[in-house]
Amino acid sequence: MTVFMVETYVVKPEKQAEFTAWKKKFLPWREKHPDLFKEMKSNRLFAQVFGGNMGGYVEMSEFENLADCEKCFATLMQSEYMTTRGPEFLAFIVPATYSISIWSPVE
C-alpha cells in the first residue's frame, strides 16, 4: 500500500531568499546521491500562496509501503546528509512549525 511522508514547516521571513537558493542547489545534490533516495517513488514541494501561514511549505514524499519509507529515512539519518544538508535546512525554518507524518490513501 502506497504511503506518503508529509513534512510541513514555515521558512523564516528573513531567510526566504536563502531558502530559495538552497532549494535550487538541493536538487542537483540529490541527483548525485540516488542511493539515499532509491525507495522514494516521488517527491513534491508545495508553497503556501494564499491563507494559512505565510512562508509555509508542505513536502510530500511517496513510498511503495511503510517499510520503504522507514528504510529511506534511516539511510538519510545515517548519511552525510544529516551533517551537511540537514543543518542547512534547519537554519531556514521556524522550529516550532516543523512536523512530519505518514499518510495513506483512502480507497
C-alpha atoms as a PDB file:
ATOM      1  CA  MET A   1       0.000   0.000   0.000  1.00  0.00           C
ATOM      2  CA  THR A   2       1.387   3.396  -1.006  1.00  0.00           C
ATOM      3  CA  VAL A   3       2.214   5.804   1.828  1.00  0.00           C
ATOM      4  CA  PHE A   4       3.205   9.452   1.865  1.00  0.00           C
ATOM      5  CA  MET A   5       5.623  11.080   4.278  1.00  0.00           C
ATOM      6  CA  VAL A   6       4.306  14.612   4.720  1.00  0.00           C
ATOM      7  CA  GLU A   7       6.523  17.332   6.181  1.00  0.00           C
ATOM      8  CA  THR A   8       5.224  20.813   6.940  1.00  0.00           C
ATOM      9  CA  TYR A   9       7.196  23.855   8.014  1.00  0.00           C
ATOM     10  CA  VAL A  10       7.414  27.639   7.816  1.00  0.00           C
ATOM     11  CA  VAL A  11      10.519  29.364   6.478  1.00  0.00           C
ATOM     12  CA  LYS A  12      11.686  32.383   8.473  1.00  0.00           C
ATOM     13  CA  PRO A  13      10.757  35.602   6.595  1.00  0.00           C
ATOM     14  CA  GLU A  14      14.349  36.852   6.609  1.00  0.00           C
ATOM     15  CA  LYS A  15      15.580  33.505   5.190  1.00  0.00           C
ATOM     16  CA  GLN A  16      13.222  33.229   2.181  1.00  0.00           C
ATOM     17  CA  ALA A  17      15.822  34.237  -0.440  1.00  0.00           C
ATOM     18  CA  GLU A  18      18.472  31.954   1.070  1.00  0.00           C
ATOM     19  CA  PHE A  19      15.992  29.069   1.194  1.00  0.00           C
ATOM     20  CA  THR A  20      15.095  29.547  -2.473  1.00  0.00           C
ATOM     21  CA  ALA A  21      18.790  29.437  -3.405  1.00  0.00           C
ATOM     22  CA  TRP A  22      19.309  26.364  -1.210  1.00  0.00           C
ATOM     23  CA  LYS A  23      16.401  24.535  -2.911  1.00  0.00           C
ATOM     24  CA  LYS A  24      17.972  25.176  -6.322  1.00  0.00           C
ATOM     25  CA  LYS A  25      21.227  23.596  -5.127  1.00  0.00           C
ATOM     26  CA  PHE A  26      19.497  20.682  -3.389  1.00  0.00           C
ATOM     27  CA  LEU A  27      18.039  19.021  -6.489  1.00  0.00           C
ATOM     28  CA  PRO A  28      21.421  18.567  -8.229  1.00  0.00           C
ATOM     29  CA  TRP A  29      22.854  17.323  -4.902  1.00  0.00           C
ATOM     30  CA  ARG A  30      20.033  14.785  -4.597  1.00  0.00           C
ATOM     31  CA  GLU A  31      20.636  13.578  -8.154  1.00  0.00           C
ATOM     32  CA  LYS A  32      24.283  12.914  -7.241  1.00  0.00           C
ATOM     33  CA  HIS A  33      23.168  10.745  -4.289  1.00  0.00           C
ATOM     34  CA  PRO A  34      20.454   8.441  -5.711  1.00  0.00           C
ATOM     35  CA  ASP A  35      21.374   5.704  -3.224  1.00  0.00           C
ATOM     36  CA  LEU A  36      19.911   7.842  -0.414  1.00  0.00           C
ATOM     37  CA  PHE A  37      16.530   8.171  -2.120  1.00  0.00           C
ATOM     38  CA  LYS A  38      16.120   4.899  -4.040  1.00  0.00           C
ATOM     39  CA  GLU A  39      12.985   3.851  -2.125  1.00  0.00           C
ATOM     40  CA  MET A  40      11.267   7.181  -2.832  1.00  0.00           C
ATOM     41  CA  LYS A  41       8.772   6.938  -5.715  1.00  0.00           C
ATOM     42  CA  SER A  42       8.090  10.670  -5.942  1.00  0.00           C
ATOM     43  CA  ASN A  43       8.609  13.928  -4.087  1.00  0.00           C
ATOM     44  CA  ARG A  44       6.717  17.212  -4.351  1.00  0.00           C
ATOM     45  CA  LEU A  45       7.185  20.523  -2.586  1.00  0.00           C
ATOM     46  CA  PHE A  46       4.281  22.956  -2.249  1.00  0.00           C
ATOM     47  CA  ALA A  47       4.492  26.582  -1.095  1.00  0.00           C
ATOM     48  CA  GLN A  48       1.665  28.394   0.697  1.00  0.00           C
ATOM     49  CA  VAL A  49       0.462  31.206  -1.577  1.00  0.00           C
ATOM     50  CA  PHE A  50      -2.837  32.264  -0.027  1.00  0.00           C
ATOM     51  CA  GLY A  51      -4.185  31.996   3.517  1.00  0.00           C
ATOM     52  CA  GLY A  52      -2.619  29.929   6.253  1.00  0.00           C
ATOM     53  CA  ASN A  53       0.931  30.603   7.378  1.00  0.00           C
ATOM     54  CA  MET A  54       2.998  32.967   5.260  1.00  0.00           C
ATOM     55  CA  GLY A  55       6.174  31.154   4.242  1.00  0.00           C
ATOM     56  CA  GLY A  56       4.537  27.758   4.757  1.00  0.00           C
ATOM     57  CA  TYR A  57       5.625  24.659   2.839  1.00  0.00           C
ATOM     58  CA  VAL A  58       4.327  21.112   2.511  1.00  0.00           C
ATOM     59  CA  GLU A  59       6.628  18.398   1.188  1.00  0.00           C
ATOM     60  CA  MET A  60       5.168  15.043   0.178  1.00  0.00           C
ATOM     61  CA  SER A  61       7.351  12.014  -0.473  1.00  0.00           C
ATOM     62  CA  GLU A  62       5.725   8.876  -1.859  1.00  0.00           C
ATOM     63  CA  PHE A  63       6.820   5.332  -0.993  1.00  0.00           C
ATOM     64  CA  GLU A  64       5.589   1.895  -2.021  1.00  0.00           C
ATOM     65  CA  ASN A  65       4.994   0.961   1.632  1.00  0.00           C
ATOM     66  CA  LEU A  66       5.852   1.953   5.199  1.00  0.00           C
ATOM     67  CA  ALA A  67       8.933  -0.296   5.263  1.00  0.00           C
ATOM     68  CA  ASP A  68      10.432   1.580   2.281  1.00  0.00           C
ATOM     69  CA  CYS A  69       9.683   4.904   3.987  1.00  0.00           C
ATOM     70  CA  GLU A  70      11.406   3.754   7.177  1.00  0.00           C
ATOM     71  CA  LYS A  71      14.388   2.405   5.225  1.00  0.00           C
ATOM     72  CA  CYS A  72      14.864   5.674   3.303  1.00  0.00           C
ATOM     73  CA  PHE A  73      14.539   7.739   6.472  1.00  0.00           C
ATOM     74  CA  ALA A  74      17.041   5.504   8.328  1.00  0.00           C
ATOM     75  CA  THR A  75      19.502   5.723   5.426  1.00  0.00           C
ATOM     76  CA  LEU A  76      19.242   9.532   5.418  1.00  0.00           C
ATOM     77  CA  MET A  77      19.748   9.720   9.198  1.00  0.00           C
ATOM     78  CA  GLN A  78      22.967   7.698   8.951  1.00  0.00           C
ATOM     79  CA  SER A  79      24.373   9.557   5.945  1.00  0.00           C
ATOM     80  CA  GLU A  80      26.432  12.692   5.437  1.00  0.00           C
ATOM     81  CA  TYR A  81      23.111  14.382   4.672  1.00  0.00           C
ATOM     82  CA  MET A  82      22.469  14.859   8.379  1.00  0.00           C
ATOM     83  CA  THR A  83      25.820  16.594   8.901  1.00  0.00           C
ATOM     84  CA  THR A  84      25.668  18.806   5.790  1.00  0.00           C
ATOM     85  CA  ARG A  85      22.264  19.350   4.171  1.00  0.00           C
ATOM     86  CA  GLY A  86      20.141  18.745   7.282  1.00  0.00           C
ATOM     87  CA  PRO A  87      21.596  21.527   9.440  1.00  0.00           C
ATOM     88  CA  GLU A  88      21.466  23.954   6.492  1.00  0.00           C
ATOM     89  CA  PHE A  89      17.760  23.221   6.090  1.00  0.00           C
ATOM     90  CA  LEU A  90      17.021  23.576   9.815  1.00  0.00           C
ATOM     91  CA  ALA A  91      18.596  27.043   9.865  1.00  0.00           C
ATOM     92  CA  PHE A  92      15.874  28.281   7.480  1.00  0.00           C
ATOM     93  CA  ILE A  93      12.765  27.145   9.333  1.00  0.00           C
ATOM     94  CA  VAL A  94      10.818  28.322  12.357  1.00  0.00           C
ATOM     95  CA  PRO A  95      11.492  25.341  14.669  1.00  0.00           C
ATOM     96  CA  ALA A  96       8.052  25.080  16.264  1.00  0.00           C
ATOM     97  CA  THR A  97       6.418  24.811  12.837  1.00  0.00           C
ATOM     98  CA  TYR A  98       8.115  21.616  11.642  1.00  0.00           C
ATOM     99  CA  SER A  99       6.029  18.454  11.596  1.00  0.00           C
ATOM    100  CA  ILE A 100       6.318  15.074   9.927  1.00  0.00           C
ATOM    101  CA  SER A 101       3.582  12.485   9.494  1.00  0.00           C
ATOM    102  CA  ILE A 102       2.722   9.424   7.440  1.00  0.00           C
ATOM    103  CA  TRP A 103      -0.443   9.397   5.313  1.00  0.00           C
ATOM    104  CA  SER A 104      -2.095   6.618   3.324  1.00  0.00           C
ATOM    105  CA  PRO A 105      -4.645   6.993   0.521  1.00  0.00           C
ATOM    106  CA  VAL A 106      -8.290   6.304   1.281  1.00  0.00           C
ATOM    107  CA  GLU A 107      -9.766   3.935  -1.235  1.00  0.00           C
END
